[in-house]
Protein backbone atom coordinates (compact mmCIF):
# COMPACT_ATOMS: atom_id res chain seq x y z
CA UNK A 1 -72.52 -105.46 -22.85
CA UNK A 2 -72.03 -104.69 -19.19
CA UNK A 3 -73.18 -107.09 -16.51
CA UNK A 4 -75.77 -104.56 -15.33
CA UNK A 5 -77.26 -104.19 -18.84
CA UNK A 6 -77.32 -107.96 -19.31
CA UNK A 7 -78.96 -108.42 -15.90
CA UNK A 8 -81.57 -105.73 -16.76
CA UNK A 9 -82.48 -107.43 -20.04
CA UNK A 10 -82.81 -110.76 -18.25
CA UNK A 11 -85.06 -109.25 -15.56
CA UNK A 12 -87.33 -107.58 -18.13
CA UNK A 13 -87.65 -110.83 -20.07
CA UNK A 14 -88.50 -112.79 -16.92
CA UNK A 15 -91.02 -110.15 -15.84
CA UNK A 16 -92.75 -110.30 -19.22
CA UNK A 17 -92.94 -114.10 -19.03
CA UNK A 18 -94.22 -114.08 -15.44
CA UNK A 19 -97.08 -111.68 -16.19
CA UNK A 20 -98.19 -113.57 -19.29
CA UNK A 21 -97.47 -110.52 -21.42
CA UNK A 22 -95.73 -110.74 -24.74
CA UNK A 23 -92.50 -108.81 -25.19
CA UNK A 24 -92.76 -105.58 -27.21
CA UNK A 25 -92.69 -105.87 -30.99
CA UNK A 26 -89.43 -105.41 -32.81
CA UNK A 27 -89.13 -103.33 -35.99
CA UNK A 28 -89.66 -105.29 -39.16
CA UNK A 29 -86.56 -105.90 -41.27
CA UNK A 30 -87.63 -105.14 -44.81
CA UNK A 31 -91.22 -104.16 -45.47
CA UNK A 32 -92.97 -107.13 -47.07
CA UNK A 33 -95.58 -106.13 -49.61
CA UNK A 34 -99.18 -107.33 -49.60
CA UNK A 35 -102.41 -106.57 -51.45
CA UNK A 36 -103.40 -102.93 -51.14
CA UNK A 37 -99.87 -101.52 -51.12
CA UNK A 38 -98.82 -99.17 -53.92
CA UNK A 39 -95.40 -99.29 -55.56
CA UNK A 40 -93.61 -96.56 -57.46
CA UNK A 41 -91.44 -98.20 -60.09
CA UNK A 42 -88.92 -96.10 -62.02
CA UNK A 43 -87.04 -97.55 -64.99
CA UNK A 44 -84.13 -95.32 -66.01
CA UNK A 45 -84.63 -93.94 -69.52
CA UNK A 46 -88.02 -95.66 -69.98
CA UNK A 47 -90.79 -93.19 -69.12
CA UNK A 48 -93.52 -95.55 -70.39
CA UNK A 49 -92.54 -98.17 -67.82
CA UNK A 50 -92.21 -95.72 -64.93
CA UNK A 51 -95.33 -95.34 -62.81
CA UNK A 52 -97.33 -96.23 -59.73
CA UNK A 53 -98.68 -99.76 -59.49
CA UNK A 54 -101.34 -101.06 -57.08
CA UNK A 55 -100.94 -104.61 -55.77
CA UNK A 56 -104.18 -106.43 -56.55
CA UNK A 57 -106.05 -109.08 -54.55
CA UNK A 58 -103.90 -111.85 -56.05
CA UNK A 59 -100.71 -110.11 -54.88
CA UNK A 60 -99.63 -109.05 -58.36
CA UNK A 61 -99.00 -105.90 -60.34
CA UNK A 62 -99.69 -105.55 -64.06
CA UNK A 63 -96.35 -104.40 -65.44
CA UNK A 64 -95.92 -103.35 -69.10
CA UNK A 65 -94.03 -105.85 -71.32
CA UNK A 66 -93.92 -108.44 -68.52
CA UNK A 67 -97.61 -108.73 -67.66
CA UNK A 68 -98.75 -110.02 -64.25
CA UNK A 69 -95.86 -109.93 -61.82
CA UNK A 70 -96.12 -111.54 -58.35
CA UNK A 71 -94.92 -109.26 -55.53
CA UNK A 72 -96.68 -110.45 -52.35
CA UNK A 73 -94.35 -111.19 -49.45
CA UNK A 74 -91.35 -109.63 -51.18
CA UNK A 75 -89.37 -106.54 -50.28
CA UNK A 76 -88.82 -103.64 -52.67
CA UNK A 77 -85.16 -104.73 -53.09
CA UNK A 78 -86.25 -108.25 -54.15
CA UNK A 79 -88.79 -106.84 -56.61
CA UNK A 80 -86.12 -104.51 -58.05
CA UNK A 81 -83.82 -107.46 -58.76
CA UNK A 82 -86.61 -109.57 -60.29
CA UNK A 83 -87.87 -106.72 -62.48
CA UNK A 84 -84.34 -106.00 -63.73
CA UNK A 85 -83.87 -109.69 -64.57
CA UNK A 86 -87.25 -109.92 -66.33
CA UNK A 87 -86.67 -106.74 -68.35
CA UNK A 88 -83.14 -107.87 -69.30
CA UNK A 89 -84.64 -111.10 -70.68
CA UNK A 90 -85.28 -109.81 -74.20
CA UNK A 91 -86.76 -106.36 -73.52
CA UNK A 92 -84.04 -103.91 -72.36
CA UNK A 93 -80.26 -103.87 -72.29
CA UNK A 94 -78.98 -103.47 -68.72
CA UNK A 95 -82.17 -102.06 -67.20
CA UNK A 96 -81.85 -99.97 -64.07
CA UNK A 97 -84.93 -100.13 -61.86
CA UNK A 98 -85.86 -98.31 -58.66
CA UNK A 99 -88.75 -99.66 -56.57
CA UNK A 100 -90.23 -97.58 -53.74
CA UNK A 101 -93.27 -98.04 -51.56
CA UNK A 102 -95.59 -95.22 -52.62
CA UNK A 103 -98.42 -95.94 -50.21
CA UNK A 104 -98.10 -98.63 -47.52
CA UNK A 105 -101.10 -100.28 -45.84
CA UNK A 106 -102.71 -98.03 -43.23
CA UNK A 107 -102.98 -98.83 -39.54
CA UNK A 108 -106.33 -99.03 -37.76
CA UNK A 109 -106.86 -97.77 -34.23
CA UNK A 110 -109.92 -98.86 -32.27
CA UNK A 111 -111.23 -98.77 -28.74
CA UNK A 112 -110.61 -96.20 -26.06
CA UNK A 113 -109.07 -93.43 -28.16
CA UNK A 114 -110.60 -90.05 -29.00
CA UNK A 115 -110.80 -90.60 -32.78
CA UNK A 116 -110.79 -94.29 -33.75
CA UNK A 117 -110.24 -94.99 -37.43
CA UNK A 118 -107.80 -95.56 -40.26
CA UNK A 119 -104.49 -93.70 -40.22
CA UNK A 120 -101.60 -93.64 -42.68
CA UNK A 121 -98.61 -95.77 -41.75
CA UNK A 122 -95.26 -94.05 -41.43
CA UNK A 123 -91.95 -95.83 -41.05
CA UNK A 124 -90.98 -96.86 -37.52
CA UNK A 125 -94.16 -95.46 -35.94
CA UNK A 126 -94.70 -96.68 -32.40
CA UNK A 127 -98.06 -97.68 -30.96
CA UNK A 128 -97.95 -94.66 -28.65
CA UNK A 129 -97.45 -92.36 -31.65
CA UNK A 130 -100.36 -94.06 -33.41
CA UNK A 131 -102.55 -93.48 -30.36
CA UNK A 132 -101.51 -89.83 -30.40
CA UNK A 133 -102.60 -89.62 -34.07
CA UNK A 134 -105.99 -90.90 -32.93
CA UNK A 135 -106.34 -88.03 -30.48
CA UNK A 136 -104.97 -89.81 -27.42
CA UNK A 137 -106.69 -91.90 -24.79
CA UNK A 138 -110.21 -91.55 -23.46
CA UNK A 139 -110.60 -91.37 -19.68
CA UNK A 140 -111.56 -95.09 -19.61
CA UNK A 141 -108.47 -96.32 -21.49
CA UNK A 142 -106.11 -98.98 -20.20
CA UNK A 143 -102.73 -97.31 -20.67
CA UNK A 144 -100.57 -100.32 -19.81
CA UNK A 145 -101.61 -102.89 -22.43
CA UNK A 146 -102.78 -102.87 -26.02
CA UNK A 147 -104.22 -105.51 -28.35
CA UNK A 148 -102.76 -105.84 -31.85
CA UNK A 149 -103.98 -107.91 -34.80
CA UNK A 150 -101.29 -108.11 -37.46
CA UNK A 151 -102.18 -108.34 -41.14
CA UNK A 152 -103.28 -111.88 -41.92
CA UNK A 153 -103.58 -112.91 -38.26
CA UNK A 154 -106.76 -114.57 -37.05
CA UNK A 155 -106.52 -113.22 -33.51
CA UNK A 156 -105.32 -110.14 -31.72
CA UNK A 157 -102.43 -110.45 -29.26
CA UNK A 158 -102.11 -108.62 -25.95
CA UNK A 159 -98.90 -106.57 -25.60
CA UNK A 160 -97.46 -104.62 -22.73
CA UNK A 161 -97.44 -101.02 -23.94
CA UNK A 162 -94.00 -99.44 -23.86
CA UNK A 163 -92.51 -96.45 -25.70
CA UNK A 164 -90.74 -98.87 -28.05
CA UNK A 165 -93.74 -101.02 -29.05
CA UNK A 166 -93.72 -100.68 -32.85
CA UNK A 167 -96.78 -100.62 -35.10
CA UNK A 168 -96.47 -102.51 -38.37
CA UNK A 169 -98.21 -101.76 -41.68
CA UNK A 170 -101.78 -103.02 -41.71
CA UNK A 171 -101.95 -103.52 -37.93
CA UNK A 172 -105.24 -103.14 -36.11
CA UNK A 173 -104.51 -101.64 -32.71
CA UNK A 174 -107.18 -101.79 -30.02
CA UNK A 175 -106.92 -99.87 -26.77
CA UNK A 176 -108.98 -101.66 -24.15
CA UNK A 177 -110.98 -100.31 -21.27
CA UNK A 178 -109.41 -100.29 -17.83
CA UNK A 179 -111.07 -101.95 -14.88
CA UNK A 180 -111.80 -99.69 -11.94
């Protein structure tokens, strides 16, 4: 990293701290599943086990042969490994499983946007792209900050709005009103 780039990162960090703003969100490494997500599970050569499974309020899916299977807080790769191990334990010989997220939690956009509401989450969507999905800003919108409540959080957090601020699955994004 060049000295200039390092100096720029340091200045941006100091500026964020001085204004009381939180640094922009970073992309999540590995989508962690929660209630309301849908999984598509494919078991090679076993059509009766292949299907779409909804994660219930207890964070489980009802999987044939195995029964209730806890998936909350796990990634699809972790679930794949656990399903393969469970199916290999007396049910199938060398099972090959593919786990995909069929329908992630939606994002919610409120406040000073043209069409507030629920919108489907897409991978690596930024907050600005989410606002665009909601029809853009109203004339009263504060275009420099945004308030985000992450899934499971008790409070919303104020973020400086940048082109790289990432929306996460299940986020509630609120665009506030600017002061004249």
